[in-house]
Amino acid sequence: MINIDDTICAIATALNPAGIGIIRISGNEAVKIVSNIFVNSKKEKIALKESHKIHYGYIYDEKKNDLIDEVLILTMLKPKSYTAEDVVEIQCHGGLLVLKNILNLLVENGARIAEPGEFTKRAFLNGRIDLSKAESVTDIIMSKNNYALKASFNQLKGNLSEKLNSFREEILESTAFIEACLDDPEHMSVDGFKPKLKSQCENIISELDAIIKNYDNGKLIKEGINTVIIGKPNVGKSSLLNTLLNENRAIVTDIAGTTRDTIKESINLNGITLNIIDTAGIRNEDNIDTVEKIGIDRAKSEAENADLIILVLDSSRPLDKNDEELIALCKTLNKKTITLLNKSDLCSSAHLSNPHINFSTKTKEGLQELTATIEKMFINKNLDFNNEIFISNERQLQSIKNARISLQNVLSSIEKDVSEDFLTIDLTDAYTHLSQVLGIEVTDDLVNEIFSKFCMGK
């Protein structure tokens, strides 16, 4: 059983050799524990009394009479710290052995190793941040592109919290007013209140709809666009993957069917993350062996689950039956599709009336147009990353949807002229669902599950 009154410690920097390493300590005994092992060059202990001050000295193992490392120590006394507890950070040399020795010394002096995400969990439990802000911390760390970073940072700043808290206040005031009128009908009346409540619920629903609508954008921004490259054998699919990656990731030969299985890579294309899947060439021939057939089935399956399909056709040859079947497949799947007429550096023999991009993996002709097309498809230039709210968290989305349903029930009840005391039931439900987004009304199990996904030292 984890005791939140324990003083915890963990390495906060990556576990790789580096110039600098940081160890973080938090809890009531943080200052005392570090003071026991922090000395000057004469091995005299240095007092750590002032908050937000950097101290210079050495980490000292008194039992072994051994100076472990030359360090800088930053003290942040509660409540003005990340966890709202006393926090001390030790900046030492970034060797793994140095970090391990200091960490062991802290444990010997009374600290314990922190659980994953326990520092941020304490910040949440101590009321410094709400749950939506806590979740944005790990999103910032895991951001794959600048769009995702901006969206996560804005949530950390409190864009989502401020919006939902304002809704909660409105709902709470309306609920309290109705209950006060019911408790004291001689002095307060609900007459004429329903139209005001109707307008209030409609406004909140409209704003919740905007947040829900942005969920798909937020998810794509955070996780990346699942992009599948399909086409016949030898049209240049693997060459396209290599071009986008700017490295020879996939084997390229003149032999049809070289790629038998899917190859998955992630790239950052002008700020957009693409999770690219190169697939086996799709063709309908009699001489296909079992292995190639499995590869073709996988290619079609990946296309069905993709956010974006890049269909590659060979412009140096006339389109044939296999090409036409692939074009028809993309239409049937009804996915966002970009058609590339590859090998544009060669003599063009293919004719295609559908929108397409002339492309060459050899000269990189069409690469800028491909990038611009993807950006236009998935990133709305009207999106304001500084002010709009982008949630990419299924837990948050479901709670917001539930709040919307409750408010819609209020509107339906008003339409049916239901008694005001029944309206408070759905209003209270809406308030509860919005509170769950912020972590105000959540179970311990859910909190533990969320923070277990965090990295050590955060």
Protein backbone atom coordinates (compact mmCIF):
# COMPACT_ATOMS: atom_id res chain seq x y z
CA MET A 1 0.00 0.00 0.00
CA ILE A 2 1.44 3.36 -1.06
CA ASN A 3 1.59 5.98 1.68
CA ILE A 4 1.23 9.52 0.31
CA ASP A 5 2.89 10.83 3.48
CA ASP A 6 6.16 9.14 2.48
CA THR A 7 8.99 11.20 1.08
CA ILE A 8 9.62 9.97 -2.45
CA CYS A 9 12.56 10.19 -4.83
CA ALA A 10 13.25 9.30 -8.44
CA ILE A 11 15.58 10.03 -11.33
CA ALA A 12 13.77 12.67 -13.41
CA THR A 13 16.02 12.63 -16.48
CA ALA A 14 16.42 9.92 -19.10
CA LEU A 15 18.34 6.82 -18.06
CA ASN A 16 21.12 7.42 -20.57
CA PRO A 17 24.62 8.80 -20.02
CA ALA A 18 24.42 12.59 -20.27
CA GLY A 19 26.12 15.77 -19.13
CA ILE A 20 23.56 16.41 -16.38
CA GLY A 21 21.20 14.20 -14.40
CA ILE A 22 18.40 15.31 -12.09
CA ILE A 23 16.99 13.51 -9.07
CA ARG A 24 13.72 14.79 -7.62
CA ILE A 25 12.67 14.40 -3.96
CA SER A 26 9.24 15.36 -2.58
CA GLY A 27 7.62 15.12 0.84
CA ASN A 28 7.73 16.41 4.40
CA GLU A 29 11.22 14.98 5.00
CA ALA A 30 12.71 16.03 1.64
CA VAL A 31 14.79 18.90 2.99
CA LYS A 32 15.95 16.93 6.04
CA ILE A 33 16.97 13.86 4.01
CA VAL A 34 18.96 15.87 1.46
CA SER A 35 20.54 18.00 4.20
CA ASN A 36 21.91 14.80 5.75
CA ILE A 37 23.96 14.04 2.63
CA PHE A 38 24.80 17.55 1.36
CA VAL A 39 28.12 19.10 2.41
CA ASN A 40 30.72 21.66 1.40
CA SER A 41 34.30 20.84 0.42
CA LYS A 42 35.20 20.49 4.10
CA LYS A 43 32.45 17.89 4.55
CA GLU A 44 30.43 20.30 6.66
CA LYS A 45 26.65 20.01 6.24
CA ILE A 46 24.92 22.81 4.35
CA ALA A 47 21.54 24.03 5.63
CA LEU A 48 18.71 24.14 3.07
CA LYS A 49 16.34 26.70 4.57
CA GLU A 50 15.50 29.17 1.83
CA SER A 51 12.97 28.36 -0.88
CA HIS A 52 13.77 28.63 -4.57
CA LYS A 53 17.47 29.00 -4.01
CA ILE A 54 20.30 27.06 -5.68
CA HIS A 55 23.03 25.67 -3.44
CA TYR A 56 26.45 24.38 -4.49
CA GLY A 57 28.23 21.50 -2.77
CA TYR A 58 28.79 17.75 -2.70
CA ILE A 59 26.77 14.61 -2.03
CA TYR A 60 28.45 12.82 0.86
CA ASP A 61 28.12 9.23 2.08
CA GLU A 62 28.95 9.60 5.77
CA LYS A 63 29.13 5.84 6.44
CA LYS A 64 31.77 5.35 3.77
CA ASN A 65 33.34 8.78 4.30
CA ASP A 66 33.05 9.23 0.55
CA LEU A 67 32.22 12.26 -1.60
CA ILE A 68 29.96 10.89 -4.37
CA ASP A 69 29.56 13.86 -6.70
CA GLU A 70 29.75 17.62 -7.11
CA VAL A 71 26.19 18.96 -7.37
CA LEU A 72 23.78 21.87 -7.47
CA ILE A 73 20.68 21.62 -5.29
CA LEU A 74 17.44 23.52 -5.82
CA THR A 75 15.04 23.80 -2.88
CA MET A 76 11.33 24.56 -3.41
CA LEU A 77 9.37 24.69 -0.16
CA LYS A 78 5.62 24.02 -0.01
CA PRO A 79 3.23 25.11 -1.31
CA LYS A 80 5.21 26.75 -4.13
CA SER A 81 6.42 23.59 -5.79
CA TYR A 82 5.30 21.11 -8.43
CA THR A 83 3.72 18.77 -5.88
CA ALA A 84 2.70 21.49 -3.40
CA GLU A 85 5.02 19.67 -0.95
CA ASP A 86 8.64 20.40 -0.06
CA VAL A 87 10.59 19.52 -3.20
CA VAL A 88 14.35 19.26 -3.62
CA GLU A 89 16.08 18.64 -6.95
CA ILE A 90 19.65 17.40 -7.13
CA GLN A 91 21.48 18.31 -10.33
CA CYS A 92 24.47 16.03 -10.67
CA HIS A 93 26.61 14.58 -13.44
CA GLY A 94 24.55 12.44 -15.78
CA GLY A 95 26.38 9.14 -15.41
CA LEU A 96 24.06 6.24 -14.60
CA LEU A 97 26.28 5.02 -11.78
CA VAL A 98 26.37 8.47 -10.19
CA LEU A 99 22.59 8.76 -10.34
CA LYS A 100 22.10 5.27 -8.92
CA ASN A 101 24.51 5.88 -6.03
CA ILE A 102 22.81 9.13 -5.03
CA LEU A 103 19.37 7.54 -5.32
CA ASN A 104 20.44 4.65 -3.09
CA LEU A 105 21.83 7.11 -0.54
CA LEU A 106 18.49 8.95 -0.43
CA VAL A 107 16.68 5.67 0.21
CA GLU A 108 19.12 4.78 2.99
CA ASN A 109 18.30 8.12 4.62
CA GLY A 110 14.53 7.59 4.65
CA ALA A 111 13.09 8.26 1.20
CA ARG A 112 11.43 5.63 -0.99
CA ILE A 113 11.46 5.19 -4.75
CA ALA A 114 8.46 6.93 -6.32
CA GLU A 115 5.85 5.06 -8.32
CA PRO A 116 5.41 6.05 -12.02
CA GLY A 117 3.66 9.43 -12.15
CA GLU A 118 3.60 9.81 -8.36
CA PHE A 119 4.94 13.39 -8.37
CA THR A 120 2.13 14.53 -10.67
CA LYS A 121 -0.35 12.41 -8.73
CA ARG A 122 0.62 14.28 -5.57
CA ALA A 123 0.19 17.59 -7.38
CA PHE A 124 -3.36 16.44 -8.21
CA LEU A 125 -4.17 15.07 -4.75
CA ASN A 126 -2.81 18.24 -3.12
CA GLY A 127 -5.06 20.40 -5.31
CA ARG A 128 -2.36 22.17 -7.30
CA ILE A 129 -3.68 20.85 -10.62
CA ASP A 130 -6.88 19.09 -11.69
CA LEU A 131 -7.00 15.76 -13.50
CA SER A 132 -7.29 17.23 -16.99
CA LYS A 133 -4.11 19.25 -16.40
CA ALA A 134 -2.37 16.19 -14.99
CA GLU A 135 -3.22 14.20 -18.13
CA SER A 136 -1.85 17.00 -20.28
CA VAL A 137 1.56 16.61 -18.58
CA THR A 138 2.13 13.17 -20.06
CA ASP A 139 0.70 14.39 -23.40
CA ILE A 140 3.35 17.13 -23.46
CA ILE A 141 6.10 14.59 -22.78
CA MET A 142 4.80 12.24 -25.49
CA SER A 143 4.06 14.95 -28.10
CA LYS A 144 5.15 13.87 -31.57
CA ASN A 145 4.73 17.25 -33.29
CA ASN A 146 4.26 20.96 -32.61
CA TYR A 147 0.48 20.82 -33.09
CA ALA A 148 0.19 18.17 -30.37
CA LEU A 149 2.57 20.12 -28.12
CA LYS A 150 0.53 23.33 -28.44
CA ALA A 151 -2.76 21.56 -27.77
CA SER A 152 -1.36 19.76 -24.70
CA PHE A 153 0.31 22.88 -23.31
CA ASN A 154 -2.91 24.89 -23.64
CA GLN A 155 -4.72 22.21 -21.64
CA LEU A 156 -1.98 22.41 -19.01
CA LYS A 157 -2.48 26.19 -18.88
CA GLY A 158 -6.11 25.53 -18.00
CA ASN A 159 -8.10 26.23 -21.18
CA LEU A 160 -10.28 23.14 -20.65
CA SER A 161 -10.45 23.56 -16.87
CA GLU A 162 -11.58 27.19 -17.07
CA LYS A 163 -14.26 26.40 -19.62
CA LEU A 164 -15.70 23.43 -17.73
CA ASN A 165 -15.53 25.21 -14.38
CA SER A 166 -17.57 28.10 -15.80
CA PHE A 167 -20.20 25.58 -16.98
CA ARG A 168 -20.23 23.92 -13.56
CA GLU A 169 -20.77 27.27 -11.85
CA GLU A 170 -23.71 28.12 -14.13
CA ILE A 171 -25.31 24.71 -13.58
CA LEU A 172 -24.74 24.88 -9.82
CA GLU A 173 -26.30 28.36 -9.57
CA SER A 174 -29.39 27.22 -11.49
CA THR A 175 -29.73 24.08 -9.39
CA ALA A 176 -29.34 26.05 -6.17
CA PHE A 177 -31.90 28.62 -7.30
CA ILE A 178 -34.52 25.97 -8.09
CA GLU A 179 -33.94 24.19 -4.77
CA ALA A 180 -34.08 27.47 -2.86
CA CYS A 181 -37.41 28.34 -4.50
CA LEU A 182 -38.83 24.93 -3.65
CA ASP A 183 -37.64 25.24 -0.04
CA ASP A 184 -39.01 28.80 0.41
CA PRO A 185 -41.91 29.29 -2.03
CA GLU A 186 -43.28 32.21 -0.03
CA HIS A 187 -40.29 34.40 -0.73
CA MET A 188 -38.83 32.95 -3.96
CA SER A 189 -40.51 31.86 -7.18
CA VAL A 190 -39.48 29.77 -10.18
CA ASP A 191 -42.02 31.55 -12.38
CA GLY A 192 -40.38 32.55 -15.66
CA PHE A 193 -37.13 30.69 -14.86
CA LYS A 194 -37.54 27.90 -17.42
CA PRO A 195 -36.86 30.12 -20.49
CA LYS A 196 -33.67 31.38 -18.83
CA LEU A 197 -32.60 27.82 -17.99
CA LYS A 198 -33.40 26.69 -21.53
CA SER A 199 -31.14 29.39 -23.00
CA GLN A 200 -28.39 28.53 -20.53
CA CYS A 201 -28.48 24.81 -21.37
CA GLU A 202 -28.53 25.50 -25.11
CA ASN A 203 -25.44 27.73 -24.82
CA ILE A 204 -23.51 25.14 -22.81
CA ILE A 205 -24.53 22.33 -25.19
CA SER A 206 -23.31 24.41 -28.13
CA GLU A 207 -19.91 24.89 -26.54
CA LEU A 208 -19.68 21.22 -25.54
CA ASP A 209 -20.49 20.29 -29.14
CA ALA A 210 -17.52 22.36 -30.30
CA ILE A 211 -15.23 20.51 -27.87
CA ILE A 212 -16.63 17.12 -28.95
CA LYS A 213 -16.25 18.05 -32.62
CA ASN A 214 -12.59 18.89 -32.04
CA TYR A 215 -11.94 15.46 -30.50
CA ASP A 216 -11.11 13.86 -33.85
CA ASN A 217 -8.71 16.72 -34.61
CA GLY A 218 -7.13 16.34 -31.19
CA LYS A 219 -6.77 12.58 -31.57
CA LEU A 220 -5.11 12.90 -34.99
CA ILE A 221 -2.86 15.69 -33.71
CA LYS A 222 -1.79 13.59 -30.73
CA GLU A 223 -1.56 10.09 -32.17
CA GLY A 224 -0.78 10.88 -35.81
CA ILE A 225 -2.51 10.07 -39.08
CA ASN A 226 -2.62 6.36 -39.85
CA THR A 227 -1.46 6.39 -43.46
CA VAL A 228 -1.47 3.31 -45.70
CA ILE A 229 0.42 3.12 -49.00
CA ILE A 230 -1.23 0.76 -51.49
CA GLY A 231 -0.72 -0.07 -55.14
CA LYS A 232 0.29 -2.85 -57.51
CA PRO A 233 3.70 -4.48 -57.18
CA ASN A 234 6.62 -2.39 -58.49
CA VAL A 235 4.81 0.94 -58.72
CA GLY A 236 7.15 2.55 -56.15
CA LYS A 237 5.37 2.10 -52.80
CA SER A 238 8.52 1.17 -50.91
CA SER A 239 10.46 3.87 -52.72
CA LEU A 240 7.83 6.37 -51.56
CA LEU A 241 8.28 5.18 -47.95
CA ASN A 242 12.04 5.59 -48.27
CA THR A 243 11.57 9.07 -49.77
CA LEU A 244 9.31 10.21 -46.94
CA LEU A 245 11.65 8.75 -44.32
CA ASN A 246 14.71 10.03 -46.15
CA GLU A 247 16.41 6.66 -45.60
CA ASN A 248 16.49 3.21 -47.18
CA ARG A 249 14.05 1.57 -44.79
CA ALA A 250 12.31 -0.76 -47.26
CA ILE A 251 13.97 -3.09 -49.76
CA VAL A 252 13.49 -1.88 -53.32
CA THR A 253 14.02 -4.20 -56.33
CA ASP A 254 12.64 -4.72 -59.81
CA ILE A 255 11.20 -8.06 -58.70
CA ALA A 256 7.41 -7.97 -58.31
CA GLY A 257 6.20 -8.81 -54.81
CA THR A 258 9.37 -7.85 -52.93
CA THR A 259 7.31 -6.48 -50.03
CA ARG A 260 5.37 -9.40 -48.57
CA ASP A 261 4.42 -7.96 -45.17
CA THR A 262 3.54 -4.53 -43.81
CA ILE A 263 6.29 -2.10 -42.79
CA LYS A 264 5.37 0.54 -40.21
CA GLU A 265 7.20 3.80 -39.52
CA SER A 266 6.34 7.25 -38.11
CA ILE A 267 7.52 10.51 -39.63
CA ASN A 268 7.00 14.19 -38.99
CA LEU A 269 5.89 15.83 -42.21
CA ASN A 270 5.79 19.61 -41.88
CA GLY A 271 4.55 19.35 -38.30
CA ILE A 272 2.11 16.51 -38.98
CA THR A 273 2.81 13.02 -37.67
CA LEU A 274 2.18 10.25 -40.19
CA ASN A 275 2.08 6.64 -39.03
CA ILE A 276 2.98 5.17 -42.40
CA ILE A 277 2.32 1.57 -43.38
CA ASP A 278 3.92 0.22 -46.55
CA THR A 279 2.02 -2.80 -47.82
CA ALA A 280 2.42 -5.68 -50.21
CA GLY A 281 1.54 -4.99 -53.83
CA ILE A 282 -2.11 -5.74 -54.53
CA ARG A 283 -2.80 -7.66 -57.71
CA ASN A 284 -5.30 -10.21 -58.95
CA GLU A 285 -3.26 -12.88 -60.72
CA ASP A 286 -3.35 -16.66 -60.95
CA ASN A 287 0.31 -17.21 -60.05
CA ILE A 288 0.19 -15.60 -56.59
CA ASP A 289 1.70 -17.82 -53.87
CA THR A 290 0.31 -18.25 -50.35
CA VAL A 291 2.71 -15.80 -48.69
CA GLU A 292 1.97 -13.02 -51.17
CA LYS A 293 -1.77 -13.63 -50.83
CA ILE A 294 -1.50 -13.17 -47.05
CA GLY A 295 0.39 -9.91 -47.67
CA ILE A 296 -2.34 -8.69 -50.03
CA ASP A 297 -5.06 -9.51 -47.49
CA ARG A 298 -3.14 -7.58 -44.84
CA ALA A 299 -2.76 -4.62 -47.20
CA LYS A 300 -6.53 -4.48 -47.76
CA SER A 301 -7.17 -4.82 -44.02
CA GLU A 302 -4.80 -1.93 -43.22
CA ALA A 303 -6.53 0.21 -45.86
CA GLU A 304 -9.90 -0.43 -44.22
CA ASN A 305 -8.59 0.91 -40.88
CA ALA A 306 -6.59 3.85 -42.25
CA ASP A 307 -7.19 7.57 -41.78
CA LEU A 308 -5.49 8.22 -45.12
CA ILE A 309 -4.78 6.05 -48.17
CA ILE A 310 -2.00 6.96 -50.57
CA LEU A 311 -2.70 5.10 -53.80
CA VAL A 312 0.44 4.79 -55.93
CA LEU A 313 0.08 4.23 -59.69
CA ASP A 314 2.84 3.81 -62.27
CA SER A 315 2.68 6.70 -64.73
CA SER A 316 5.22 5.05 -67.08
CA ARG A 317 2.72 2.34 -68.04
CA PRO A 318 -0.92 2.41 -69.12
CA LEU A 319 -3.35 1.72 -66.32
CA ASP A 320 -4.59 -1.87 -66.29
CA LYS A 321 -7.34 -3.90 -64.65
CA ASN A 322 -5.47 -4.11 -61.32
CA ASP A 323 -5.10 -0.32 -61.21
CA GLU A 324 -8.81 0.15 -61.90
CA GLU A 325 -9.71 -2.32 -59.16
CA LEU A 326 -7.55 -0.39 -56.67
CA ILE A 327 -9.19 2.91 -57.65
CA ALA A 328 -12.59 1.27 -57.15
CA LEU A 329 -11.46 -0.16 -53.79
CA CYS A 330 -10.54 3.30 -52.50
CA LYS A 331 -13.95 4.63 -53.53
CA THR A 332 -15.69 1.71 -51.81
CA LEU A 333 -13.76 2.24 -48.57
CA ASN A 334 -14.76 5.91 -48.63
CA LYS A 335 -11.49 6.98 -47.01
CA LYS A 336 -9.53 10.15 -47.55
CA THR A 337 -7.34 9.21 -50.49
CA ILE A 338 -4.45 10.82 -52.35
CA THR A 339 -3.53 9.33 -55.71
CA LEU A 340 0.09 9.59 -56.82
CA LEU A 341 1.14 9.04 -60.43
CA ASN A 342 4.65 7.91 -59.62
CA LYS A 343 7.70 7.78 -61.94
CA SER A 344 6.87 11.16 -63.44
CA ASP A 345 10.56 11.45 -64.38
CA LEU A 346 9.95 8.75 -67.01
CA CYS A 347 7.86 8.93 -70.16
CA SER A 348 4.21 9.21 -69.12
CA SER A 349 1.88 6.55 -70.50
CA ALA A 350 -0.86 6.53 -67.88
CA HIS A 351 -3.94 8.71 -68.22
CA LEU A 352 -6.09 9.45 -65.18
CA SER A 353 -9.03 11.84 -65.06
CA ASN A 354 -9.38 11.69 -61.26
CA PRO A 355 -7.51 14.26 -59.12
CA HIS A 356 -3.92 13.16 -58.66
CA ILE A 357 -0.36 14.33 -58.00
CA ASN A 358 2.45 13.75 -60.45
CA PHE A 359 5.22 12.30 -58.34
CA SER A 360 8.77 11.00 -58.60
CA THR A 361 10.52 9.19 -55.79
CA LYS A 362 13.74 9.72 -57.73
CA THR A 363 13.59 13.52 -58.20
CA LYS A 364 11.12 14.19 -55.33
CA GLU A 365 8.83 16.02 -57.71
CA GLY A 366 5.42 16.38 -56.08
CA LEU A 367 6.66 16.00 -52.48
CA GLN A 368 5.72 19.55 -51.51
CA GLU A 369 2.31 19.16 -53.14
CA LEU A 370 1.75 15.88 -51.27
CA THR A 371 2.65 17.55 -47.96
CA ALA A 372 0.35 20.51 -48.65
CA THR A 373 -2.50 18.19 -49.64
CA ILE A 374 -2.23 16.17 -46.43
CA GLU A 375 -2.10 19.35 -44.36
CA LYS A 376 -5.18 20.71 -46.13
CA MET A 377 -7.05 17.43 -45.57
CA PHE A 378 -6.38 17.10 -41.85
CA ILE A 379 -5.30 20.45 -40.41
CA ASN A 380 -7.88 23.19 -40.65
CA LYS A 381 -6.00 26.47 -41.02
CA ASN A 382 -8.84 28.17 -39.16
CA LEU A 383 -8.08 26.17 -36.03
CA ASP A 384 -6.80 28.43 -33.27
CA PHE A 385 -4.32 26.39 -31.24
CA ASN A 386 -3.98 29.22 -28.73
CA ASN A 387 -7.67 29.43 -27.83
CA GLU A 388 -9.53 26.36 -29.07
CA ILE A 389 -9.80 23.29 -26.88
CA PHE A 390 -8.53 19.97 -28.23
CA ILE A 391 -9.18 16.90 -26.15
CA SER A 392 -7.59 13.64 -27.25
CA ASN A 393 -8.55 11.59 -24.22
CA GLU A 394 -11.38 9.04 -24.43
CA ARG A 395 -12.15 9.41 -20.72
CA GLN A 396 -12.63 13.16 -21.05
CA LEU A 397 -14.69 12.77 -24.23
CA GLN A 398 -17.12 10.30 -22.68
CA SER A 399 -17.71 12.44 -19.60
CA ILE A 400 -18.34 15.52 -21.76
CA LYS A 401 -20.76 13.52 -23.93
CA ASN A 402 -22.58 12.32 -20.81
CA ALA A 403 -22.85 15.92 -19.58
CA ARG A 404 -24.33 16.91 -22.92
CA ILE A 405 -26.93 14.10 -22.70
CA SER A 406 -27.96 15.27 -19.23
CA LEU A 407 -28.38 18.86 -20.40
CA GLN A 408 -30.35 17.67 -23.42
CA ASN A 409 -32.63 15.81 -21.00
CA VAL A 410 -33.18 19.11 -19.18
CA LEU A 411 -34.26 20.73 -22.45
CA SER A 412 -36.62 17.86 -23.21
CA SER A 413 -38.15 18.16 -19.75
CA ILE A 414 -38.61 21.91 -20.17
CA GLU A 415 -40.30 21.26 -23.52
CA LYS A 416 -42.71 18.86 -21.75
CA ASP A 417 -43.25 21.38 -18.96
CA VAL A 418 -41.97 18.97 -16.32
CA SER A 419 -41.90 20.25 -12.74
CA GLU A 420 -38.75 22.17 -11.77
CA ASP A 421 -37.78 19.75 -9.01
CA PHE A 422 -37.25 17.02 -11.62
CA LEU A 423 -34.99 19.32 -13.66
CA THR A 424 -32.46 19.38 -10.83
CA ILE A 425 -31.83 15.63 -11.26
CA ASP A 426 -30.40 16.02 -14.76
CA LEU A 427 -28.70 19.28 -13.86
CA THR A 428 -26.90 17.49 -11.02
CA ASP A 429 -25.90 14.67 -13.39
CA ALA A 430 -24.45 17.18 -15.85
CA TYR A 431 -22.51 18.84 -13.04
CA THR A 432 -21.15 15.45 -11.91
CA HIS A 433 -20.02 14.44 -15.41
CA LEU A 434 -18.16 17.73 -15.91
CA SER A 435 -16.57 17.30 -12.48
CA GLN A 436 -15.31 13.87 -13.55
CA VAL A 437 -13.31 15.45 -16.38
CA LEU A 438 -11.51 17.58 -13.81
CA GLY A 439 -11.07 14.67 -11.41
CA ILE A 440 -13.32 16.17 -8.72
CA GLU A 441 -15.57 13.10 -8.61
CA VAL A 442 -13.53 10.05 -9.64
CA THR A 443 -12.67 6.73 -8.01
CA ASP A 444 -9.27 5.91 -6.54
CA ASP A 445 -8.93 3.05 -9.03
CA LEU A 446 -9.32 5.42 -11.97
CA VAL A 447 -6.78 7.85 -10.51
CA ASN A 448 -4.29 5.01 -9.98
CA GLU A 449 -4.84 3.74 -13.53
CA ILE A 450 -4.25 7.18 -15.07
CA PHE A 451 -1.03 7.89 -13.19
CA SER A 452 0.35 4.38 -13.68
CA LYS A 453 0.85 5.30 -17.34
CA PHE A 454 3.22 8.16 -16.48
CA CYS A 455 6.99 7.85 -16.67
CA MET A 456 9.23 7.61 -13.61
CA GLY A 457 10.21 10.89 -11.99
CA LYS A 458 7.14 12.78 -13.26
